[in-house]
């Protein structure tokens, strides 16, 4: 099991547990009634660092064999 999967498993199993873990406590805070959307986003960003790898860049290595079709709708023309 990868480290990310084990962290996700721990977070999912935490519900109702009396065991303390900082990430679980953050998740609990995000679920509080008075937690704002902005606070929830920041909490989930903090947790994501331990669950998902951060991509600094994405490299496209495939080939495009077909063209791209565009159509423009210009009002009054």
PDB file of N, CA and C in Angstrom:
ATOM      1  N   UNK A   1       0.850  -1.179   0.000  1.00  0.00           N
ATOM      2  CA  UNK A   1       0.000   0.000   0.000  1.00  0.00           C
ATOM      3  C   UNK A   1       0.892   1.238   0.000  1.00  0.00           C
ATOM      4  N   UNK A   2       0.571   2.188  -0.861  1.00  0.00           N
ATOM      5  CA  UNK A   2       1.377   3.405  -0.933  1.00  0.00           C
ATOM      6  C   UNK A   2       1.116   4.286   0.291  1.00  0.00           C
ATOM      7  N   UNK A   3       2.021   5.225   0.497  1.00  0.00           N
ATOM      8  CA  UNK A   3       1.878   6.142   1.639  1.00  0.00           C
ATOM      9  C   UNK A   3       0.598   6.956   1.519  1.00  0.00           C
ATOM     10  N   UNK A   4       0.280   7.412   0.292  1.00  0.00           N
ATOM     11  CA  UNK A   4      -0.941   8.203   0.102  1.00  0.00           C
ATOM     12  C   UNK A   4      -2.174   7.383   0.438  1.00  0.00           C
ATOM     13  N   UNK A   5      -2.210   6.126   0.002  1.00  0.00           N
ATOM     14  CA  UNK A   5      -3.360   5.273   0.305  1.00  0.00           C
ATOM     15  C   UNK A   5      -3.495   5.011   1.788  1.00  0.00           C
ATOM     16  N   UNK A   6      -2.371   4.854   2.489  1.00  0.00           N
ATOM     17  CA  UNK A   6      -2.454   4.600   3.927  1.00  0.00           C
ATOM     18  C   UNK A   6      -2.955   5.838   4.676  1.00  0.00           C
ATOM     19  N   UNK A   7      -2.576   7.031   4.207  1.00  0.00           N
ATOM     20  CA  UNK A   7      -3.074   8.267   4.831  1.00  0.00           C
ATOM     21  C   UNK A   7      -4.572   8.392   4.584  1.00  0.00           C
ATOM     22  N   UNK A   8      -5.011   8.133   3.348  1.00  0.00           N
ATOM     23  CA  UNK A   8      -6.447   8.199   3.049  1.00  0.00           C
ATOM     24  C   UNK A   8      -7.225   7.184   3.877  1.00  0.00           C
ATOM     25  N   UNK A   9      -6.682   5.983   4.011  1.00  0.00           N
ATOM     26  CA  UNK A   9      -7.348   4.944   4.809  1.00  0.00           C
ATOM     27  C   UNK A   9      -7.487   5.398   6.256  1.00  0.00           C
ATOM     28  N   UNK A  10      -6.423   5.972   6.805  1.00  0.00           N
ATOM     29  CA  UNK A  10      -6.452   6.453   8.179  1.00  0.00           C
ATOM     30  C   UNK A  10      -7.517   7.539   8.346  1.00  0.00           C
ATOM     31  N   UNK A  11      -7.581   8.467   7.392  1.00  0.00           N
ATOM     32  CA  UNK A  11      -8.554   9.552   7.493  1.00  0.00           C
ATOM     33  C   UNK A  11      -9.987   9.018   7.422  1.00  0.00           C
ATOM     34  N   UNK A  12     -10.209   8.049   6.531  1.00  0.00           N
ATOM     35  CA  UNK A  12     -11.561   7.478   6.401  1.00  0.00           C
ATOM     36  C   UNK A  12     -11.976   6.709   7.646  1.00  0.00           C
ATOM     37  N   UNK A  13     -11.028   6.017   8.271  1.00  0.00           N
ATOM     38  CA  UNK A  13     -11.336   5.200   9.450  1.00  0.00           C
ATOM     39  C   UNK A  13     -11.407   6.015  10.733  1.00  0.00           C
ATOM     40  N   UNK A  14     -10.991   7.262  10.690  1.00  0.00           N
ATOM     41  CA  UNK A  14     -10.911   8.105  11.884  1.00  0.00           C
ATOM     42  C   UNK A  14     -12.268   8.455  12.482  1.00  0.00           C
ATOM     43  N   UNK A  15     -13.301   8.527  11.661  1.00  0.00           N
ATOM     44  CA  UNK A  15     -14.618   8.946  12.147  1.00  0.00           C
ATOM     45  C   UNK A  15     -14.969   8.260  13.466  1.00  0.00           C
ATOM     46  N   UNK A  16     -15.211   9.037  14.476  1.00  0.00           N
ATOM     47  CA  UNK A  16     -15.645   8.511  15.761  1.00  0.00           C
ATOM     48  C   UNK A  16     -14.527   7.964  16.639  1.00  0.00           C
ATOM     49  N   UNK A  17     -13.293   8.038  16.169  1.00  0.00           N
ATOM     50  CA  UNK A  17     -12.176   7.505  16.947  1.00  0.00           C
ATOM     51  C   UNK A  17     -11.687   8.534  17.955  1.00  0.00           C
ATOM     52  N   UNK A  18     -11.217   8.064  19.096  1.00  0.00           N
ATOM     53  CA  UNK A  18     -10.674   8.964  20.115  1.00  0.00           C
ATOM     54  C   UNK A  18      -9.172   9.158  19.921  1.00  0.00           C
ATOM     55  N   UNK A  19      -8.587   8.494  18.945  1.00  0.00           N
ATOM     56  CA  UNK A  19      -7.159   8.591  18.671  1.00  0.00           C
ATOM     57  C   UNK A  19      -6.837   9.929  18.026  1.00  0.00           C
ATOM     58  N   UNK A  20      -5.781  10.585  18.508  1.00  0.00           N
ATOM     59  CA  UNK A  20      -5.382  11.881  17.964  1.00  0.00           C
ATOM     60  C   UNK A  20      -4.373  11.707  16.837  1.00  0.00           C
ATOM     61  N   UNK A  21      -4.606  12.408  15.753  1.00  0.00           N
ATOM     62  CA  UNK A  21      -3.629  12.556  14.679  1.00  0.00           C
ATOM     63  C   UNK A  21      -3.858  13.946  14.091  1.00  0.00           C
ATOM     64  N   UNK A  22      -2.803  14.713  13.819  1.00  0.00           N
ATOM     65  CA  UNK A  22      -2.985  16.085  13.344  1.00  0.00           C
ATOM     66  C   UNK A  22      -3.835  16.193  12.083  1.00  0.00           C
ATOM     67  N   UNK A  23      -3.645  15.286  11.118  1.00  0.00           N
ATOM     68  CA  UNK A  23      -4.436  15.360   9.892  1.00  0.00           C
ATOM     69  C   UNK A  23      -5.910  15.068  10.156  1.00  0.00           C
ATOM     70  N   UNK A  24      -6.162  14.116  11.039  1.00  0.00           N
ATOM     71  CA  UNK A  24      -7.552  13.794  11.388  1.00  0.00           C
ATOM     72  C   UNK A  24      -8.200  14.966  12.117  1.00  0.00           C
ATOM     73  N   UNK A  25      -7.432  15.626  12.966  1.00  0.00           N
ATOM     74  CA  UNK A  25      -7.964  16.782  13.686  1.00  0.00           C
ATOM     75  C   UNK A  25      -8.286  17.921  12.721  1.00  0.00           C
ATOM     76  N   UNK A  26      -7.429  18.110  11.710  1.00  0.00           N
ATOM     77  CA  UNK A  26      -7.727  19.114  10.688  1.00  0.00           C
ATOM     78  C   UNK A  26      -9.021  18.771   9.953  1.00  0.00           C
ATOM     79  N   UNK A  27      -9.175  17.503   9.601  1.00  0.00           N
ATOM     80  CA  UNK A  27     -10.390  17.067   8.917  1.00  0.00           C
ATOM     81  C   UNK A  27     -11.616  17.313   9.793  1.00  0.00           C
ATOM     82  N   UNK A  28     -11.488  17.047  11.083  1.00  0.00           N
ATOM     83  CA  UNK A  28     -12.593  17.319  12.013  1.00  0.00           C
ATOM     84  C   UNK A  28     -12.941  18.804  12.032  1.00  0.00           C
ATOM     85  N   UNK A  29     -11.915  19.660  12.019  1.00  0.00           N
ATOM     86  CA  UNK A  29     -12.154  21.109  12.008  1.00  0.00           C
ATOM     87  C   UNK A  29     -12.876  21.545  10.736  1.00  0.00           C
ATOM     88  N   UNK A  30     -12.523  20.949   9.609  1.00  0.00           N
ATOM     89  CA  UNK A  30     -13.150  21.306   8.335  1.00  0.00           C
ATOM     90  C   UNK A  30     -14.633  20.958   8.318  1.00  0.00           C
ATOM     91  N   UNK A  31     -15.028  20.007   9.151  1.00  0.00           N
ATOM     92  CA  UNK A  31     -16.427  19.581   9.192  1.00  0.00           C
ATOM     93  C   UNK A  31     -17.252  20.302  10.261  1.00  0.00           C
ATOM     94  N   UNK A  32     -16.634  21.238  10.974  1.00  0.00           N
ATOM     95  CA  UNK A  32     -17.368  22.024  11.980  1.00  0.00           C
ATOM     96  C   UNK A  32     -18.403  22.909  11.290  1.00  0.00           C
ATOM     97  N   UNK A  33     -19.515  23.142  11.950  1.00  0.00           N
ATOM     98  CA  UNK A  33     -20.620  23.916  11.398  1.00  0.00           C
ATOM     99  C   UNK A  33     -20.203  25.347  11.064  1.00  0.00           C
ATOM    100  N   UNK A  34     -19.389  25.951  11.901  1.00  0.00           N
ATOM    101  CA  UNK A  34     -19.015  27.351  11.691  1.00  0.00           C
ATOM    102  C   UNK A  34     -17.749  27.537  10.850  1.00  0.00           C
ATOM    103  N   UNK A  35     -17.251  26.474  10.246  1.00  0.00           N
ATOM    104  CA  UNK A  35     -16.057  26.557   9.394  1.00  0.00           C
ATOM    105  C   UNK A  35     -16.459  27.154   8.041  1.00  0.00           C
ATOM    106  N   UNK A  36     -15.782  28.220   7.642  1.00  0.00           N
ATOM    107  CA  UNK A  36     -16.116  28.882   6.381  1.00  0.00           C
ATOM    108  C   UNK A  36     -15.568  28.076   5.202  1.00  0.00           C
ATOM    109  N   UNK A  37     -16.062  28.377   4.010  1.00  0.00           N
ATOM    110  CA  UNK A  37     -15.591  27.711   2.802  1.00  0.00           C
ATOM    111  C   UNK A  37     -14.086  27.937   2.633  1.00  0.00           C
ATOM    112  N   UNK A  38     -13.631  29.163   2.852  1.00  0.00           N
ATOM    113  CA  UNK A  38     -12.215  29.469   2.736  1.00  0.00           C
ATOM    114  C   UNK A  38     -11.362  28.655   3.699  1.00  0.00           C
ATOM    115  N   UNK A  39     -11.843  28.517   4.928  1.00  0.00           N
ATOM    116  CA  UNK A  39     -11.123  27.714   5.918  1.00  0.00           C
ATOM    117  C   UNK A  39     -11.106  26.245   5.514  1.00  0.00           C
ATOM    118  N   UNK A  40     -12.231  25.751   4.994  1.00  0.00           N
ATOM    119  CA  UNK A  40     -12.294  24.363   4.542  1.00  0.00           C
ATOM    120  C   UNK A  40     -11.296  24.113   3.417  1.00  0.00           C
ATOM    121  N   UNK A  41     -11.217  25.053   2.468  1.00  0.00           N
ATOM    122  CA  UNK A  41     -10.275  24.922   1.354  1.00  0.00           C
ATOM    123  C   UNK A  41      -8.847  24.870   1.877  1.00  0.00           C
ATOM    124  N   UNK A  42      -8.506  25.766   2.796  1.00  0.00           N
ATOM    125  CA  UNK A  42      -7.146  25.782   3.346  1.00  0.00           C
ATOM    126  C   UNK A  42      -6.821  24.502   4.105  1.00  0.00           C
ATOM    127  N   UNK A  43      -7.787  23.977   4.833  1.00  0.00           N
ATOM    128  CA  UNK A  43      -7.573  22.734   5.569  1.00  0.00           C
ATOM    129  C   UNK A  43      -7.339  21.581   4.596  1.00  0.00           C
ATOM    130  N   UNK A  44      -8.163  21.508   3.562  1.00  0.00           N
ATOM    131  CA  UNK A  44      -8.013  20.419   2.598  1.00  0.00           C
ATOM    132  C   UNK A  44      -6.722  20.550   1.796  1.00  0.00           C
ATOM    133  N   UNK A  45      -6.284  21.777   1.543  1.00  0.00           N
ATOM    134  CA  UNK A  45      -4.978  21.980   0.902  1.00  0.00           C
ATOM    135  C   UNK A  45      -3.863  21.444   1.793  1.00  0.00           C
ATOM    136  N   UNK A  46      -3.970  21.681   3.088  1.00  0.00           N
ATOM    137  CA  UNK A  46      -2.962  21.192   4.034  1.00  0.00           C
ATOM    138  C   UNK A  46      -2.922  19.672   4.053  1.00  0.00           C
ATOM    139  N   UNK A  47      -4.088  19.045   4.066  1.00  0.00           N
ATOM    140  CA  UNK A  47      -4.168  17.583   4.087  1.00  0.00           C
ATOM    141  C   UNK A  47      -3.667  17.007   2.762  1.00  0.00           C
ATOM    142  N   UNK A  48      -3.978  17.669   1.644  1.00  0.00           N
ATOM    143  CA  UNK A  48      -3.606  17.169   0.316  1.00  0.00           C
ATOM    144  C   UNK A  48      -2.100  16.991   0.162  1.00  0.00           C
ATOM    145  N   UNK A  49      -1.319  17.813   0.845  1.00  0.00           N
ATOM    146  CA  UNK A  49       0.145  17.706   0.759  1.00  0.00           C
ATOM    147  C   UNK A  49       0.636  16.329   1.207  1.00  0.00           C
ATOM    148  N   UNK A  50      -0.110  15.674   2.074  1.00  0.00           N
ATOM    149  CA  UNK A  50       0.291  14.377   2.597  1.00  0.00           C
ATOM    150  C   UNK A  50      -0.390  13.217   1.877  1.00  0.00           C
ATOM    151  N   UNK A  51      -1.334  13.538   0.999  1.00  0.00           N
ATOM    152  CA  UNK A  51      -2.123  12.501   0.339  1.00  0.00           C
ATOM    153  C   UNK A  51      -1.811  12.402  -1.150  1.00  0.00           C
ATOM    154  N   UNK A  52      -1.552  13.520  -1.803  1.00  0.00           N
ATOM    155  CA  UNK A  52      -1.315  13.548  -3.244  1.00  0.00           C
ATOM    156  C   UNK A  52       0.032  14.186  -3.549  1.00  0.00           C
ATOM    157  N   UNK A  53       0.691  13.662  -4.560  1.00  0.00           N
ATOM    158  CA  UNK A  53       1.948  14.264  -5.012  1.00  0.00           C
ATOM    159  C   UNK A  53       1.622  15.561  -5.748  1.00  0.00           C
ATOM    160  N   UNK A  54       2.467  16.557  -5.561  1.00  0.00           N
ATOM    161  CA  UNK A  54       2.257  17.844  -6.227  1.00  0.00           C
ATOM    162  C   UNK A  54       2.998  17.834  -7.561  1.00  0.00           C
ATOM    163  N   UNK A  55       2.292  18.157  -8.628  1.00  0.00           N
ATOM    164  CA  UNK A  55       2.907  18.238  -9.948  1.00  0.00           C
ATOM    165  C   UNK A  55       3.396  19.653 -10.177  1.00  0.00           C
ATOM    166  N   UNK A  56       4.691  19.793 -10.364  1.00  0.00           N
ATOM    167  CA  UNK A  56       5.266  21.108 -10.657  1.00  0.00           C
ATOM    168  C   UNK A  56       5.066  21.445 -12.133  1.00  0.00           C
ATOM    169  N   UNK A  57       5.066  20.435 -12.981  1.00  0.00           N
ATOM    170  CA  UNK A  57       4.875  20.622 -14.416  1.00  0.00           C
ATOM    171  C   UNK A  57       4.317  19.327 -14.986  1.00  0.00           C
ATOM    172  N   UNK A  58       3.627  19.445 -16.069  1.00  0.00           N
ATOM    173  CA  UNK A  58       3.084  18.279 -16.761  1.00  0.00           C
ATOM    174  C   UNK A  58       3.651  18.278 -18.171  1.00  0.00           C
ATOM    175  N   UNK A  59       4.288  17.195 -18.543  1.00  0.00           N
ATOM    176  CA  UNK A  59       4.898  17.082 -19.860  1.00  0.00           C
ATOM    177  C   UNK A  59       4.023  16.212 -20.750  1.00  0.00           C
ATOM    178  N   UNK A  60       3.720  16.713 -21.933  1.00  0.00           N
ATOM    179  CA  UNK A  60       2.937  15.956 -22.896  1.00  0.00           C
ATOM    180  C   UNK A  60       3.909  15.289 -23.855  1.00  0.00           C
ATOM    181  N   UNK A  61       3.903  13.971 -23.912  1.00  0.00           N
ATOM    182  CA  UNK A  61       4.853  13.257 -24.758  1.00  0.00           C
ATOM    183  C   UNK A  61       4.193  12.553 -25.933  1.00  0.00           C
ATOM    184  N   UNK A  62       2.862  12.580 -26.016  1.00  0.00           N
ATOM    185  CA  UNK A  62       2.157  11.913 -27.107  1.00  0.00           C
ATOM    186  C   UNK A  62       2.151  12.749 -28.368  1.00  0.00           C
ATOM    187  N   UNK A  63       1.675  12.146 -29.441  1.00  0.00           N
ATOM    188  CA  UNK A  63       1.569  12.847 -30.718  1.00  0.00           C
ATOM    189  C   UNK A  63       0.100  13.096 -31.019  1.00  0.00           C
ATOM    190  N   UNK A  64      -0.174  14.232 -31.610  1.00  0.00           N
ATOM    191  CA  UNK A  64      -1.531  14.549 -32.038  1.00  0.00           C
ATOM    192  C   UNK A  64      -1.615  14.221 -33.519  1.00  0.00           C
ATOM    193  N   UNK A  65      -2.460  13.271 -33.863  1.00  0.00           N
ATOM    194  CA  UNK A  65      -2.568  12.824 -35.251  1.00  0.00           C
ATOM    195  C   UNK A  65      -3.707  13.488 -36.004  1.00  0.00           C
ATOM    196  N   UNK A  66      -4.568  14.175 -35.294  1.00  0.00           N
ATOM    197  CA  UNK A  66      -5.696  14.821 -35.955  1.00  0.00           C
ATOM    198  C   UNK A  66      -5.653  16.307 -35.663  1.00  0.00           C
ATOM    199  N   UNK A  67      -6.270  17.060 -36.539  1.00  0.00           N
ATOM    200  CA  UNK A  67      -6.339  18.500 -36.345  1.00  0.00           C
ATOM    201  C   UNK A  67      -7.409  18.857 -35.342  1.00  0.00           C
ATOM    202  N   UNK A  68      -7.508  20.121 -35.073  1.00  0.00           N
ATOM    203  CA  UNK A  68      -8.508  20.628 -34.145  1.00  0.00           C
ATOM    204  C   UNK A  68      -9.469  21.493 -34.936  1.00  0.00           C
ATOM    205  N   UNK A  69     -10.766  21.214 -34.827  1.00  0.00           N
ATOM    206  CA  UNK A  69     -11.783  21.983 -35.554  1.00  0.00           C
ATOM    207  C   UNK A  69     -12.301  23.108 -34.669  1.00  0.00           C
ATOM    208  N   UNK A  70     -12.321  24.307 -35.228  1.00  0.00           N
ATOM    209  CA  UNK A  70     -12.857  25.472 -34.530  1.00  0.00           C
ATOM    210  C   UNK A  70     -14.017  26.015 -35.320  1.00  0.00           C
ATOM    211  N   UNK A  71     -15.012  26.531 -34.632  1.00  0.00           N
ATOM    212  CA  UNK A  71     -16.075  27.289 -35.295  1.00  0.00           C
ATOM    213  C   UNK A  71     -16.376  28.492 -34.421  1.00  0.00           C
ATOM    214  N   UNK A  72     -16.581  29.613 -35.070  1.00  0.00           N
ATOM    215  CA  UNK A  72     -16.833  30.873 -34.372  1.00  0.00           C
ATOM    216  C   UNK A  72     -18.203  31.382 -34.752  1.00  0.00           C
ATOM    217  N   UNK A  73     -19.005  31.722 -33.773  1.00  0.00           N
ATOM    218  CA  UNK A  73     -20.304  32.343 -34.009  1.00  0.00           C
ATOM    219  C   UNK A  73     -20.170  33.822 -33.701  1.00  0.00           C
ATOM    220  N   UNK A  74     -20.207  34.638 -34.760  1.00  0.00           N
ATOM    221  CA  UNK A  74     -20.059  36.061 -34.601  1.00  0.00           C
ATOM    222  C   UNK A  74     -21.416  36.697 -34.841  1.00  0.00           C
ATOM    223  N   UNK A  75     -22.011  37.291 -33.816  1.00  0.00           N
ATOM    224  CA  UNK A  75     -23.335  37.902 -33.973  1.00  0.00           C
ATOM    225  C   UNK A  75     -23.295  39.014 -35.029  1.00  0.00           C
ATOM    226  N   UNK A  76     -24.361  39.049 -35.852  1.00  0.00           N
ATOM    227  CA  UNK A  76     -24.501  40.095 -36.863  1.00  0.00           C
ATOM    228  C   UNK A  76     -23.715  39.828 -38.135  1.00  0.00           C
ATOM    229  N   UNK A  77     -23.146  38.682 -38.283  1.00  0.00           N
ATOM    230  CA  UNK A  77     -22.361  38.377 -39.484  1.00  0.00           C
ATOM    231  C   UNK A  77     -23.038  37.319 -40.320  1.00  0.00           C
TER     232      UNK A  77
END
